[in-house]
N, C-alpha and C. Protein backbone atom coordinates (compact mmCIF):
# COMPACT_ATOMS: atom_id res chain seq x y z
N UNK A 1 235.40 -26.10 102.84
CA UNK A 1 235.88 -24.76 102.50
C UNK A 1 236.23 -24.66 101.02
N UNK A 2 236.95 -25.65 100.54
CA UNK A 2 237.30 -25.66 99.12
C UNK A 2 236.05 -25.68 98.25
N UNK A 3 235.13 -26.51 98.66
CA UNK A 3 233.89 -26.65 97.90
C UNK A 3 233.14 -25.32 97.87
N UNK A 4 233.10 -24.66 99.01
CA UNK A 4 232.41 -23.38 99.09
C UNK A 4 233.09 -22.34 98.19
N UNK A 5 234.42 -22.30 98.22
CA UNK A 5 235.16 -21.36 97.37
C UNK A 5 234.97 -21.68 95.90
N UNK A 6 234.93 -22.95 95.60
CA UNK A 6 234.72 -23.36 94.22
C UNK A 6 233.34 -22.92 93.73
N UNK A 7 232.34 -23.13 94.55
CA UNK A 7 230.98 -22.71 94.20
C UNK A 7 230.92 -21.20 94.05
N UNK A 8 231.59 -20.49 94.95
CA UNK A 8 231.61 -19.04 94.89
C UNK A 8 232.28 -18.57 93.60
N UNK A 9 233.38 -19.21 93.26
CA UNK A 9 234.11 -18.85 92.04
C UNK A 9 233.26 -19.11 90.80
N UNK A 10 232.61 -20.26 90.78
CA UNK A 10 231.75 -20.60 89.64
C UNK A 10 230.58 -19.62 89.55
N UNK A 11 230.01 -19.29 90.69
CA UNK A 11 228.91 -18.33 90.70
C UNK A 11 229.37 -16.96 90.22
N UNK A 12 230.53 -16.53 90.68
CA UNK A 12 231.04 -15.24 90.25
C UNK A 12 231.33 -15.23 88.75
N UNK A 13 231.89 -16.31 88.29
CA UNK A 13 232.17 -16.39 86.87
C UNK A 13 230.86 -16.37 86.07
N UNK A 14 229.88 -17.09 86.55
CA UNK A 14 228.58 -17.11 85.89
C UNK A 14 227.95 -15.71 85.89
N UNK A 15 228.05 -15.02 87.03
CA UNK A 15 227.51 -13.67 87.11
C UNK A 15 228.25 -12.72 86.18
N UNK A 16 229.56 -12.90 86.13
CA UNK A 16 230.36 -12.06 85.26
C UNK A 16 230.00 -12.28 83.80
N UNK A 17 229.84 -13.53 83.41
CA UNK A 17 229.47 -13.86 82.03
C UNK A 17 228.07 -13.32 81.71
N UNK A 18 227.16 -13.47 82.64
CA UNK A 18 225.81 -12.97 82.40
C UNK A 18 225.80 -11.44 82.32
N UNK A 19 226.64 -10.82 83.17
CA UNK A 19 226.74 -9.36 83.10
C UNK A 19 227.32 -8.92 81.77
N UNK A 20 228.32 -9.63 81.28
CA UNK A 20 228.90 -9.32 79.97
C UNK A 20 227.87 -9.48 78.87
N UNK A 21 227.11 -10.56 78.93
CA UNK A 21 226.08 -10.78 77.92
C UNK A 21 225.01 -9.69 77.98
N UNK A 22 224.67 -9.32 79.20
CA UNK A 22 223.66 -8.28 79.38
C UNK A 22 224.13 -6.96 78.79
N UNK A 23 225.35 -6.55 79.13
CA UNK A 23 225.88 -5.29 78.61
C UNK A 23 226.08 -5.36 77.10
N UNK A 24 226.53 -6.53 76.62
CA UNK A 24 226.71 -6.69 75.18
C UNK A 24 225.37 -6.60 74.46
N UNK A 25 224.35 -7.16 75.09
CA UNK A 25 223.00 -7.12 74.53
C UNK A 25 222.51 -5.67 74.42
N UNK A 26 222.75 -4.88 75.48
CA UNK A 26 222.37 -3.47 75.42
C UNK A 26 223.17 -2.73 74.36
N UNK A 27 224.46 -3.02 74.31
CA UNK A 27 225.33 -2.39 73.32
C UNK A 27 224.87 -2.73 71.91
N UNK A 28 224.53 -4.00 71.71
CA UNK A 28 224.09 -4.48 70.40
C UNK A 28 222.79 -3.80 69.99
N UNK A 29 221.84 -3.71 70.91
CA UNK A 29 220.56 -3.05 70.62
C UNK A 29 220.79 -1.58 70.30
N UNK A 30 221.69 -0.95 71.05
CA UNK A 30 221.99 0.45 70.81
C UNK A 30 222.59 0.64 69.42
N UNK A 31 223.52 -0.20 69.05
CA UNK A 31 224.17 -0.12 67.74
C UNK A 31 223.14 -0.32 66.63
N UNK A 32 222.32 -1.35 66.78
CA UNK A 32 221.32 -1.66 65.75
C UNK A 32 220.32 -0.51 65.61
N UNK A 33 219.86 0.02 66.73
CA UNK A 33 218.88 1.11 66.66
C UNK A 33 219.50 2.37 66.06
N UNK A 34 220.75 2.66 66.41
CA UNK A 34 221.38 3.86 65.84
C UNK A 34 221.60 3.68 64.35
N UNK A 35 221.99 2.47 63.93
CA UNK A 35 222.15 2.22 62.50
C UNK A 35 220.82 2.34 61.77
N UNK A 36 219.78 1.80 62.39
CA UNK A 36 218.45 1.87 61.78
C UNK A 36 217.98 3.32 61.66
N UNK A 37 218.20 4.11 62.71
CA UNK A 37 217.78 5.51 62.69
C UNK A 37 218.58 6.29 61.66
N UNK A 38 219.88 6.03 61.59
CA UNK A 38 220.70 6.72 60.59
C UNK A 38 220.28 6.31 59.17
N UNK A 39 219.95 5.03 59.00
CA UNK A 39 219.47 4.59 57.69
C UNK A 39 218.16 5.27 57.33
N UNK A 40 217.26 5.39 58.30
CA UNK A 40 216.00 6.08 58.05
C UNK A 40 216.22 7.54 57.69
N UNK A 41 217.11 8.19 58.43
CA UNK A 41 217.40 9.59 58.14
C UNK A 41 218.04 9.74 56.77
N UNK A 42 218.90 8.80 56.44
CA UNK A 42 219.58 8.83 55.14
C UNK A 42 218.57 8.68 54.00
N UNK A 43 217.68 7.70 54.12
CA UNK A 43 216.69 7.48 53.07
C UNK A 43 215.69 8.64 53.00
N UNK A 44 215.33 9.16 54.17
CA UNK A 44 214.43 10.30 54.18
C UNK A 44 215.08 11.51 53.52
N UNK A 45 216.35 11.69 53.77
CA UNK A 45 217.11 12.78 53.19
C UNK A 45 217.13 12.65 51.66
N UNK A 46 217.35 11.43 51.17
CA UNK A 46 217.31 11.21 49.73
C UNK A 46 215.92 11.46 49.16
N UNK A 47 214.93 10.97 49.87
CA UNK A 47 213.55 11.17 49.43
C UNK A 47 213.20 12.65 49.39
N UNK A 48 213.64 13.36 50.42
CA UNK A 48 213.37 14.79 50.51
C UNK A 48 214.04 15.54 49.36
N UNK A 49 215.29 15.23 49.10
CA UNK A 49 216.02 15.87 48.00
C UNK A 49 215.35 15.56 46.66
N UNK A 50 214.97 14.32 46.49
CA UNK A 50 214.30 13.92 45.25
C UNK A 50 212.97 14.67 45.09
N UNK A 51 212.22 14.74 46.16
CA UNK A 51 210.93 15.43 46.14
C UNK A 51 211.10 16.90 45.80
N UNK A 52 212.04 17.55 46.48
CA UNK A 52 212.30 18.98 46.25
C UNK A 52 212.77 19.22 44.82
N UNK A 53 213.67 18.37 44.36
CA UNK A 53 214.18 18.56 42.99
C UNK A 53 213.09 18.32 41.95
N UNK A 54 212.23 17.33 42.19
CA UNK A 54 211.14 17.10 41.24
C UNK A 54 210.14 18.26 41.25
N UNK A 55 209.87 18.82 42.42
CA UNK A 55 209.01 19.99 42.49
C UNK A 55 209.63 21.17 41.77
N UNK A 56 210.91 21.33 41.99
CA UNK A 56 211.62 22.43 41.35
C UNK A 56 211.63 22.28 39.83
N UNK A 57 211.84 21.06 39.36
CA UNK A 57 211.86 20.80 37.91
C UNK A 57 210.47 21.01 37.31
N UNK A 58 209.45 20.56 38.01
CA UNK A 58 208.09 20.76 37.50
C UNK A 58 207.72 22.25 37.51
N UNK A 59 208.21 22.95 38.51
CA UNK A 59 207.98 24.40 38.55
C UNK A 59 208.70 25.08 37.38
N UNK A 60 209.89 24.63 37.07
CA UNK A 60 210.63 25.18 35.93
C UNK A 60 209.95 24.85 34.61
N UNK A 61 209.39 23.66 34.54
CA UNK A 61 208.72 23.26 33.30
C UNK A 61 207.42 24.04 33.10
N UNK A 62 206.83 24.46 34.18
CA UNK A 62 205.62 25.27 34.06
C UNK A 62 205.98 26.64 33.51
């Protein structure tokens, strides 16, 4: 009985740890992807502003 409970406890702990790692893995991927997307939007925003301003300046120079 003790042995069975011990195995059950170890199994539960292992499942709990794997579940934590699994959820942390999803959380980590979500964080990384959101940071990457925000970085892309940020750089695109800068590129867009730069492009518009250069067009505007060239239009003014014309």
